[in-house]
């Protein structure tokens, strides 16, 4: 398996240390590309082969348009995560 590099958007900065501790190479928009526009971030992700992680709908749309691998953290994904954690609690 090759090393996956992940570009994490500013609003998700809190997950940077968790992803790093899980073994991912994480590039922080807040630290490495502060204030950069969505379109530019997507082009950086494309050029460098990063997976782009964002909550921003426009950024996710731009990633889709430019054929960049991305994960959009939306309400459905958050709900699924909460449900999984609730299921774990119920099973214990």
PDB file of N, CA and C in Angstrom:
ATOM      1  N   UNK A   1       0.841  -1.195   0.000  1.00  0.00           N
ATOM      2  CA  UNK A   1       0.000   0.000   0.000  1.00  0.00           C
ATOM      3  C   UNK A   1       0.879   1.250   0.000  1.00  0.00           C
ATOM      4  N   UNK A   2       0.552   2.199  -0.838  1.00  0.00           N
ATOM      5  CA  UNK A   2       1.328   3.430  -0.880  1.00  0.00           C
ATOM      6  C   UNK A   2       0.873   4.372   0.233  1.00  0.00           C
ATOM      7  N   UNK A   3       1.731   5.320   0.552  1.00  0.00           N
ATOM      8  CA  UNK A   3       1.404   6.295   1.588  1.00  0.00           C
ATOM      9  C   UNK A   3       0.374   7.269   1.023  1.00  0.00           C
ATOM     10  N   UNK A   4      -0.701   7.462   1.771  1.00  0.00           N
ATOM     11  CA  UNK A   4      -1.738   8.391   1.342  1.00  0.00           C
ATOM     12  C   UNK A   4      -1.510   9.727   2.043  1.00  0.00           C
ATOM     13  N   UNK A   5      -1.437  10.785   1.259  1.00  0.00           N
ATOM     14  CA  UNK A   5      -1.284  12.117   1.820  1.00  0.00           C
ATOM     15  C   UNK A   5      -2.634  12.815   1.781  1.00  0.00           C
ATOM     16  N   UNK A   6      -2.961  13.455   2.885  1.00  0.00           N
ATOM     17  CA  UNK A   6      -4.283  14.035   3.064  1.00  0.00           C
ATOM     18  C   UNK A   6      -4.143  15.534   3.321  1.00  0.00           C
ATOM     19  N   UNK A   7      -4.877  16.327   2.559  1.00  0.00           N
ATOM     20  CA  UNK A   7      -4.931  17.771   2.760  1.00  0.00           C
ATOM     21  C   UNK A   7      -6.219  18.080   3.515  1.00  0.00           C
ATOM     22  N   UNK A   8      -6.081  18.574   4.751  1.00  0.00           N
ATOM     23  CA  UNK A   8      -7.240  18.818   5.611  1.00  0.00           C
ATOM     24  C   UNK A   8      -7.548  20.314   5.634  1.00  0.00           C
ATOM     25  N   UNK A   9      -8.770  20.657   5.248  1.00  0.00           N
ATOM     26  CA  UNK A   9      -9.218  22.045   5.186  1.00  0.00           C
ATOM     27  C   UNK A   9      -9.257  22.664   6.586  1.00  0.00           C
ATOM     28  N   UNK A  10      -9.222  23.991   6.620  1.00  0.00           N
ATOM     29  CA  UNK A  10      -9.101  24.742   7.882  1.00  0.00           C
ATOM     30  C   UNK A  10     -10.175  24.408   8.914  1.00  0.00           C
ATOM     31  N   UNK A  11     -11.415  24.257   8.483  1.00  0.00           N
ATOM     32  CA  UNK A  11     -12.498  24.040   9.435  1.00  0.00           C
ATOM     33  C   UNK A  11     -12.415  22.672  10.111  1.00  0.00           C
ATOM     34  N   UNK A  12     -11.549  21.789   9.616  1.00  0.00           N
ATOM     35  CA  UNK A  12     -11.401  20.449  10.191  1.00  0.00           C
ATOM     36  C   UNK A  12     -10.037  20.263  10.850  1.00  0.00           C
ATOM     37  N   UNK A  13      -9.390  21.342  11.199  1.00  0.00           N
ATOM     38  CA  UNK A  13      -8.042  21.316  11.779  1.00  0.00           C
ATOM     39  C   UNK A  13      -7.924  20.364  12.967  1.00  0.00           C
ATOM     40  N   UNK A  14      -9.010  20.222  13.724  1.00  0.00           N
ATOM     41  CA  UNK A  14      -8.993  19.357  14.906  1.00  0.00           C
ATOM     42  C   UNK A  14      -8.712  17.898  14.600  1.00  0.00           C
ATOM     43  N   UNK A  15      -8.942  17.470  13.370  1.00  0.00           N
ATOM     44  CA  UNK A  15      -8.690  16.064  13.048  1.00  0.00           C
ATOM     45  C   UNK A  15      -7.258  15.801  12.596  1.00  0.00           C
ATOM     46  N   UNK A  16      -6.463  16.847  12.396  1.00  0.00           N
ATOM     47  CA  UNK A  16      -5.089  16.678  11.920  1.00  0.00           C
ATOM     48  C   UNK A  16      -4.279  15.768  12.851  1.00  0.00           C
ATOM     49  N   UNK A  17      -4.236  16.039  14.157  1.00  0.00           N
ATOM     50  CA  UNK A  17      -3.428  15.169  15.022  1.00  0.00           C
ATOM     51  C   UNK A  17      -3.944  13.726  15.066  1.00  0.00           C
ATOM     52  N   UNK A  18      -5.257  13.553  14.990  1.00  0.00           N
ATOM     53  CA  UNK A  18      -5.825  12.203  15.021  1.00  0.00           C
ATOM     54  C   UNK A  18      -5.441  11.405  13.782  1.00  0.00           C
ATOM     55  N   UNK A  19      -5.501  12.052  12.619  1.00  0.00           N
ATOM     56  CA  UNK A  19      -5.121  11.367  11.383  1.00  0.00           C
ATOM     57  C   UNK A  19      -3.623  11.058  11.372  1.00  0.00           C
ATOM     58  N   UNK A  20      -2.829  11.985  11.880  1.00  0.00           N
ATOM     59  CA  UNK A  20      -1.382  11.734  11.959  1.00  0.00           C
ATOM     60  C   UNK A  20      -1.090  10.566  12.894  1.00  0.00           C
ATOM     61  N   UNK A  21      -1.772  10.523  14.024  1.00  0.00           N
ATOM     62  CA  UNK A  21      -1.525   9.420  14.963  1.00  0.00           C
ATOM     63  C   UNK A  21      -2.000   8.087  14.394  1.00  0.00           C
ATOM     64  N   UNK A  22      -2.905   8.129  13.420  1.00  0.00           N
ATOM     65  CA  UNK A  22      -3.363   6.913  12.748  1.00  0.00           C
ATOM     66  C   UNK A  22      -2.415   6.506  11.616  1.00  0.00           C
ATOM     67  N   UNK A  23      -1.370   7.304  11.394  1.00  0.00           N
ATOM     68  CA  UNK A  23      -0.357   6.945  10.416  1.00  0.00           C
ATOM     69  C   UNK A  23      -0.436   7.640   9.071  1.00  0.00           C
ATOM     70  N   UNK A  24      -1.370   8.564   8.918  1.00  0.00           N
ATOM     71  CA  UNK A  24      -1.490   9.278   7.649  1.00  0.00           C
ATOM     72  C   UNK A  24      -0.541  10.469   7.607  1.00  0.00           C
ATOM     73  N   UNK A  25      -0.086  10.785   6.422  1.00  0.00           N
ATOM     74  CA  UNK A  25       0.670  12.010   6.205  1.00  0.00           C
ATOM     75  C   UNK A  25      -0.364  13.097   5.966  1.00  0.00           C
ATOM     76  N   UNK A  26      -0.389  14.088   6.857  1.00  0.00           N
ATOM     77  CA  UNK A  26      -1.452  15.098   6.808  1.00  0.00           C
ATOM     78  C   UNK A  26      -0.850  16.474   6.577  1.00  0.00           C
ATOM     79  N   UNK A  27      -1.407  17.169   5.616  1.00  0.00           N
ATOM     80  CA  UNK A  27      -1.031  18.544   5.328  1.00  0.00           C
ATOM     81  C   UNK A  27      -2.182  19.419   5.804  1.00  0.00           C
ATOM     82  N   UNK A  28      -1.864  20.367   6.645  1.00  0.00           N
ATOM     83  CA  UNK A  28      -2.863  21.248   7.241  1.00  0.00           C
ATOM     84  C   UNK A  28      -3.002  22.529   6.423  1.00  0.00           C
ATOM     85  N   UNK A  29      -4.206  22.783   5.922  1.00  0.00           N
ATOM     86  CA  UNK A  29      -4.448  24.040   5.210  1.00  0.00           C
ATOM     87  C   UNK A  29      -4.187  25.210   6.146  1.00  0.00           C
ATOM     88  N   UNK A  30      -4.629  25.083   7.388  1.00  0.00           N
ATOM     89  CA  UNK A  30      -4.465  26.186   8.343  1.00  0.00           C
ATOM     90  C   UNK A  30      -2.995  26.548   8.541  1.00  0.00           C
ATOM     91  N   UNK A  31      -2.133  25.534   8.578  1.00  0.00           N
ATOM     92  CA  UNK A  31      -0.712  25.788   8.802  1.00  0.00           C
ATOM     93  C   UNK A  31       0.048  26.042   7.497  1.00  0.00           C
ATOM     94  N   UNK A  32      -0.223  25.223   6.475  1.00  0.00           N
ATOM     95  CA  UNK A  32       0.598  25.257   5.269  1.00  0.00           C
ATOM     96  C   UNK A  32       0.062  26.148   4.147  1.00  0.00           C
ATOM     97  N   UNK A  33      -1.243  26.378   4.132  1.00  0.00           N
ATOM     98  CA  UNK A  33      -1.864  27.190   3.069  1.00  0.00           C
ATOM     99  C   UNK A  33      -2.930  28.127   3.652  1.00  0.00           C
ATOM    100  N   UNK A  34      -2.604  28.894   4.694  1.00  0.00           N
ATOM    101  CA  UNK A  34      -3.632  29.714   5.349  1.00  0.00           C
ATOM    102  C   UNK A  34      -4.244  30.748   4.403  1.00  0.00           C
ATOM    103  N   UNK A  35      -5.568  30.835   4.454  1.00  0.00           N
ATOM    104  CA  UNK A  35      -6.287  31.841   3.675  1.00  0.00           C
ATOM    105  C   UNK A  35      -6.372  31.559   2.182  1.00  0.00           C
ATOM    106  N   UNK A  36      -5.868  30.419   1.745  1.00  0.00           N
ATOM    107  CA  UNK A  36      -5.892  30.089   0.315  1.00  0.00           C
ATOM    108  C   UNK A  36      -7.330  29.806  -0.133  1.00  0.00           C
ATOM    109  N   UNK A  37      -7.673  30.223  -1.322  1.00  0.00           N
ATOM    110  CA  UNK A  37      -9.018  30.014  -1.859  1.00  0.00           C
ATOM    111  C   UNK A  37      -9.248  28.546  -2.197  1.00  0.00           C
ATOM    112  N   UNK A  38     -10.524  28.149  -2.163  1.00  0.00           N
ATOM    113  CA  UNK A  38     -10.894  26.754  -2.414  1.00  0.00           C
ATOM    114  C   UNK A  38     -10.327  26.219  -3.723  1.00  0.00           C
ATOM    115  N   UNK A  39     -10.494  26.977  -4.784  1.00  0.00           N
ATOM    116  CA  UNK A  39     -10.048  26.528  -6.105  1.00  0.00           C
ATOM    117  C   UNK A  39      -8.548  26.251  -6.099  1.00  0.00           C
ATOM    118  N   UNK A  40      -7.786  27.119  -5.471  1.00  0.00           N
ATOM    119  CA  UNK A  40      -6.328  26.946  -5.398  1.00  0.00           C
ATOM    120  C   UNK A  40      -5.985  25.700  -4.579  1.00  0.00           C
ATOM    121  N   UNK A  41      -6.681  25.477  -3.465  1.00  0.00           N
ATOM    122  CA  UNK A  41      -6.439  24.286  -2.644  1.00  0.00           C
ATOM    123  C   UNK A  41      -6.705  23.013  -3.439  1.00  0.00           C
ATOM    124  N   UNK A  42      -7.765  23.014  -4.202  1.00  0.00           N
ATOM    125  CA  UNK A  42      -8.107  21.850  -5.018  1.00  0.00           C
ATOM    126  C   UNK A  42      -7.023  21.599  -6.061  1.00  0.00           C
ATOM    127  N   UNK A  43      -6.527  22.652  -6.666  1.00  0.00           N
ATOM    128  CA  UNK A  43      -5.467  22.493  -7.670  1.00  0.00           C
ATOM    129  C   UNK A  43      -4.166  22.003  -7.034  1.00  0.00           C
ATOM    130  N   UNK A  44      -3.878  22.454  -5.823  1.00  0.00           N
ATOM    131  CA  UNK A  44      -2.716  21.954  -5.083  1.00  0.00           C
ATOM    132  C   UNK A  44      -2.892  20.457  -4.809  1.00  0.00           C
ATOM    133  N   UNK A  45      -4.091  20.078  -4.352  1.00  0.00           N
ATOM    134  CA  UNK A  45      -4.369  18.664  -4.077  1.00  0.00           C
ATOM    135  C   UNK A  45      -4.196  17.831  -5.342  1.00  0.00           C
ATOM    136  N   UNK A  46      -4.659  18.347  -6.444  1.00  0.00           N
ATOM    137  CA  UNK A  46      -4.543  17.614  -7.717  1.00  0.00           C
ATOM    138  C   UNK A  46      -3.078  17.455  -8.115  1.00  0.00           C
ATOM    139  N   UNK A  47      -2.341  18.543  -8.054  1.00  0.00           N
ATOM    140  CA  UNK A  47      -0.932  18.540  -8.454  1.00  0.00           C
ATOM    141  C   UNK A  47      -0.101  17.589  -7.599  1.00  0.00           C
ATOM    142  N   UNK A  48      -0.372  17.559  -6.305  1.00  0.00           N
ATOM    143  CA  UNK A  48       0.451  16.775  -5.382  1.00  0.00           C
ATOM    144  C   UNK A  48      -0.127  15.391  -5.076  1.00  0.00           C
ATOM    145  N   UNK A  49      -1.325  15.120  -5.595  1.00  0.00           N
ATOM    146  CA  UNK A  49      -1.933  13.807  -5.378  1.00  0.00           C
ATOM    147  C   UNK A  49      -2.533  13.611  -3.998  1.00  0.00           C
ATOM    148  N   UNK A  50      -2.901  14.717  -3.339  1.00  0.00           N
ATOM    149  CA  UNK A  50      -3.505  14.638  -2.010  1.00  0.00           C
ATOM    150  C   UNK A  50      -4.976  14.232  -2.096  1.00  0.00           C
ATOM    151  N   UNK A  51      -5.457  13.600  -1.045  1.00  0.00           N
ATOM    152  CA  UNK A  51      -6.894  13.450  -0.843  1.00  0.00           C
ATOM    153  C   UNK A  51      -7.316  14.686  -0.051  1.00  0.00           C
ATOM    154  N   UNK A  52      -8.306  15.399  -0.547  1.00  0.00           N
ATOM    155  CA  UNK A  52      -8.751  16.651   0.069  1.00  0.00           C
ATOM    156  C   UNK A  52      -9.939  16.369   0.979  1.00  0.00           C
ATOM    157  N   UNK A  53      -9.825  16.772   2.248  1.00  0.00           N
ATOM    158  CA  UNK A  53     -10.891  16.570   3.219  1.00  0.00           C
ATOM    159  C   UNK A  53     -11.441  17.942   3.610  1.00  0.00           C
ATOM    160  N   UNK A  54     -12.756  18.122   3.439  1.00  0.00           N
ATOM    161  CA  UNK A  54     -13.373  19.429   3.664  1.00  0.00           C
ATOM    162  C   UNK A  54     -14.819  19.278   4.117  1.00  0.00           C
ATOM    163  N   UNK A  55     -15.335  20.317   4.740  1.00  0.00           N
ATOM    164  CA  UNK A  55     -16.776  20.425   5.014  1.00  0.00           C
ATOM    165  C   UNK A  55     -17.444  21.331   3.990  1.00  0.00           C
ATOM    166  N   UNK A  56     -16.663  22.100   3.296  1.00  0.00           N
ATOM    167  CA  UNK A  56     -17.140  23.142   2.399  1.00  0.00           C
ATOM    168  C   UNK A  56     -17.726  22.544   1.114  1.00  0.00           C
ATOM    169  N   UNK A  57     -18.981  22.830   0.850  1.00  0.00           N
ATOM    170  CA  UNK A  57     -19.661  22.301  -0.336  1.00  0.00           C
ATOM    171  C   UNK A  57     -19.008  22.803  -1.615  1.00  0.00           C
ATOM    172  N   UNK A  58     -18.661  24.092  -1.655  1.00  0.00           N
ATOM    173  CA  UNK A  58     -18.024  24.645  -2.866  1.00  0.00           C
ATOM    174  C   UNK A  58     -16.668  23.997  -3.125  1.00  0.00           C
ATOM    175  N   UNK A  59     -15.909  23.765  -2.054  1.00  0.00           N
ATOM    176  CA  UNK A  59     -14.599  23.117  -2.211  1.00  0.00           C
ATOM    177  C   UNK A  59     -14.777  21.683  -2.712  1.00  0.00           C
ATOM    178  N   UNK A  60     -15.762  20.980  -2.168  1.00  0.00           N
ATOM    179  CA  UNK A  60     -16.035  19.608  -2.617  1.00  0.00           C
ATOM    180  C   UNK A  60     -16.482  19.597  -4.075  1.00  0.00           C
ATOM    181  N   UNK A  61     -17.313  20.555  -4.459  1.00  0.00           N
ATOM    182  CA  UNK A  61     -17.746  20.655  -5.860  1.00  0.00           C
ATOM    183  C   UNK A  61     -16.554  20.924  -6.775  1.00  0.00           C
ATOM    184  N   UNK A  62     -15.651  21.791  -6.341  1.00  0.00           N
ATOM    185  CA  UNK A  62     -14.461  22.085  -7.147  1.00  0.00           C
ATOM    186  C   UNK A  62     -13.578  20.842  -7.265  1.00  0.00           C
ATOM    187  N   UNK A  63     -13.455  20.090  -6.178  1.00  0.00           N
ATOM    188  CA  UNK A  63     -12.664  18.848  -6.217  1.00  0.00           C
ATOM    189  C   UNK A  63     -13.280  17.862  -7.201  1.00  0.00           C
ATOM    190  N   UNK A  64     -14.589  17.735  -7.148  1.00  0.00           N
ATOM    191  CA  UNK A  64     -15.278  16.832  -8.078  1.00  0.00           C
ATOM    192  C   UNK A  64     -15.045  17.282  -9.522  1.00  0.00           C
ATOM    193  N   UNK A  65     -15.178  18.570  -9.767  1.00  0.00           N
ATOM    194  CA  UNK A  65     -15.001  19.123 -11.108  1.00  0.00           C
ATOM    195  C   UNK A  65     -13.598  18.839 -11.649  1.00  0.00           C
ATOM    196  N   UNK A  66     -12.584  18.960 -10.777  1.00  0.00           N
ATOM    197  CA  UNK A  66     -11.188  18.781 -11.191  1.00  0.00           C
ATOM    198  C   UNK A  66     -10.699  17.338 -11.032  1.00  0.00           C
ATOM    199  N   UNK A  67     -11.634  16.429 -10.727  1.00  0.00           N
ATOM    200  CA  UNK A  67     -11.305  15.017 -10.585  1.00  0.00           C
ATOM    201  C   UNK A  67     -10.238  14.762  -9.515  1.00  0.00           C
ATOM    202  N   UNK A  68     -10.421  15.435  -8.372  1.00  0.00           N
ATOM    203  CA  UNK A  68      -9.532  15.274  -7.220  1.00  0.00           C
ATOM    204  C   UNK A  68     -10.222  14.348  -6.226  1.00  0.00           C
ATOM    205  N   UNK A  69      -9.488  13.403  -5.676  1.00  0.00           N
ATOM    206  CA  UNK A  69     -10.058  12.556  -4.629  1.00  0.00           C
ATOM    207  C   UNK A  69     -10.343  13.445  -3.431  1.00  0.00           C
ATOM    208  N   UNK A  70     -11.562  13.302  -2.887  1.00  0.00           N
ATOM    209  CA  UNK A  70     -11.938  14.159  -1.758  1.00  0.00           C
ATOM    210  C   UNK A  70     -12.919  13.424  -0.853  1.00  0.00           C
ATOM    211  N   UNK A  71     -12.993  13.917   0.366  1.00  0.00           N
ATOM    212  CA  UNK A  71     -14.009  13.473   1.316  1.00  0.00           C
ATOM    213  C   UNK A  71     -14.684  14.734   1.826  1.00  0.00           C
ATOM    214  N   UNK A  72     -16.004  14.788   1.660  1.00  0.00           N
ATOM    215  CA  UNK A  72     -16.758  15.913   2.209  1.00  0.00           C
ATOM    216  C   UNK A  72     -17.417  15.436   3.489  1.00  0.00           C
ATOM    217  N   UNK A  73     -17.040  16.079   4.579  1.00  0.00           N
ATOM    218  CA  UNK A  73     -17.633  15.762   5.869  1.00  0.00           C
ATOM    219  C   UNK A  73     -18.950  16.530   5.943  1.00  0.00           C
ATOM    220  N   UNK A  74     -20.046  15.828   5.668  1.00  0.00           N
ATOM    221  CA  UNK A  74     -21.353  16.471   5.673  1.00  0.00           C
ATOM    222  C   UNK A  74     -22.215  15.890   6.787  1.00  0.00           C
ATOM    223  N   UNK A  75     -23.446  16.343   6.872  1.00  0.00           N
ATOM    224  CA  UNK A  75     -24.340  15.902   7.936  1.00  0.00           C
ATOM    225  C   UNK A  75     -24.572  14.400   7.891  1.00  0.00           C
ATOM    226  N   UNK A  76     -24.692  13.834   6.708  1.00  0.00           N
ATOM    227  CA  UNK A  76     -24.927  12.386   6.594  1.00  0.00           C
ATOM    228  C   UNK A  76     -23.748  11.601   7.161  1.00  0.00           C
ATOM    229  N   UNK A  77     -22.534  12.037   6.852  1.00  0.00           N
ATOM    230  CA  UNK A  77     -21.348  11.345   7.355  1.00  0.00           C
ATOM    231  C   UNK A  77     -21.219  11.514   8.867  1.00  0.00           C
ATOM    232  N   UNK A  78     -21.510  12.710   9.364  1.00  0.00           N
ATOM    233  CA  UNK A  78     -21.472  12.945  10.811  1.00  0.00           C
ATOM    234  C   UNK A  78     -22.524  12.089  11.513  1.00  0.00           C
ATOM    235  N   UNK A  79     -23.711  12.007  10.948  1.00  0.00           N
ATOM    236  CA  UNK A  79     -24.786  11.208  11.533  1.00  0.00           C
ATOM    237  C   UNK A  79     -24.397   9.734  11.575  1.00  0.00           C
ATOM    238  N   UNK A  80     -23.796   9.242  10.515  1.00  0.00           N
ATOM    239  CA  UNK A  80     -23.353   7.849  10.473  1.00  0.00           C
ATOM    240  C   UNK A  80     -22.318   7.582  11.563  1.00  0.00           C
ATOM    241  N   UNK A  81     -21.386   8.505  11.758  1.00  0.00           N
ATOM    242  CA  UNK A  81     -20.358   8.344  12.792  1.00  0.00           C
ATOM    243  C   UNK A  81     -20.991   8.311  14.183  1.00  0.00           C
ATOM    244  N   UNK A  82     -21.946   9.200  14.434  1.00  0.00           N
ATOM    245  CA  UNK A  82     -22.621   9.218  15.740  1.00  0.00           C
ATOM    246  C   UNK A  82     -23.401   7.923  15.938  1.00  0.00           C
ATOM    247  N   UNK A  83     -24.092   7.468  14.917  1.00  0.00           N
ATOM    248  CA  UNK A  83     -24.841   6.213  15.022  1.00  0.00           C
ATOM    249  C   UNK A  83     -23.907   5.049  15.336  1.00  0.00           C
ATOM    250  N   UNK A  84     -22.757   4.985  14.655  1.00  0.00           N
ATOM    251  CA  UNK A  84     -21.790   3.913  14.923  1.00  0.00           C
ATOM    252  C   UNK A  84     -21.320   3.932  16.374  1.00  0.00           C
ATOM    253  N   UNK A  85     -21.071   5.124  16.903  1.00  0.00           N
ATOM    254  CA  UNK A  85     -20.633   5.231  18.296  1.00  0.00           C
ATOM    255  C   UNK A  85     -21.756   4.850  19.257  1.00  0.00           C
ATOM    256  N   UNK A  86     -22.986   5.255  18.955  1.00  0.00           N
ATOM    257  CA  UNK A  86     -24.127   4.872  19.785  1.00  0.00           C
ATOM    258  C   UNK A  86     -24.316   3.362  19.775  1.00  0.00           C
ATOM    259  N   UNK A  87     -24.164   2.749  18.601  1.00  0.00           N
ATOM    260  CA  UNK A  87     -24.279   1.286  18.500  1.00  0.00           C
ATOM    261  C   UNK A  87     -23.236   0.595  19.367  1.00  0.00           C
ATOM    262  N   UNK A  88     -22.010   1.130  19.406  1.00  0.00           N
ATOM    263  CA  UNK A  88     -20.956   0.554  20.247  1.00  0.00           C
ATOM    264  C   UNK A  88     -21.343   0.626  21.729  1.00  0.00           C
ATOM    265  N   UNK A  89     -21.918   1.754  22.121  1.00  0.00           N
ATOM    266  CA  UNK A  89     -22.330   1.932  23.524  1.00  0.00           C
ATOM    267  C   UNK A  89     -23.439   0.947  23.871  1.00  0.00           C
ATOM    268  N   UNK A  90     -24.398   0.821  22.982  1.00  0.00           N
ATOM    269  CA  UNK A  90     -25.529  -0.078  23.225  1.00  0.00           C
ATOM    270  C   UNK A  90     -25.063  -1.532  23.331  1.00  0.00           C
ATOM    271  N   UNK A  91     -24.089  -1.907  22.522  1.00  0.00           N
ATOM    272  CA  UNK A  91     -23.590  -3.299  22.504  1.00  0.00           C
ATOM    273  C   UNK A  91     -22.753  -3.644  23.733  1.00  0.00           C
ATOM    274  N   UNK A  92     -22.310  -2.664  24.477  1.00  0.00           N
ATOM    275  CA  UNK A  92     -21.480  -2.945  25.657  1.00  0.00           C
ATOM    276  C   UNK A  92     -22.289  -3.020  26.868  1.00  0.00           C
TER     277      UNK A  92
END
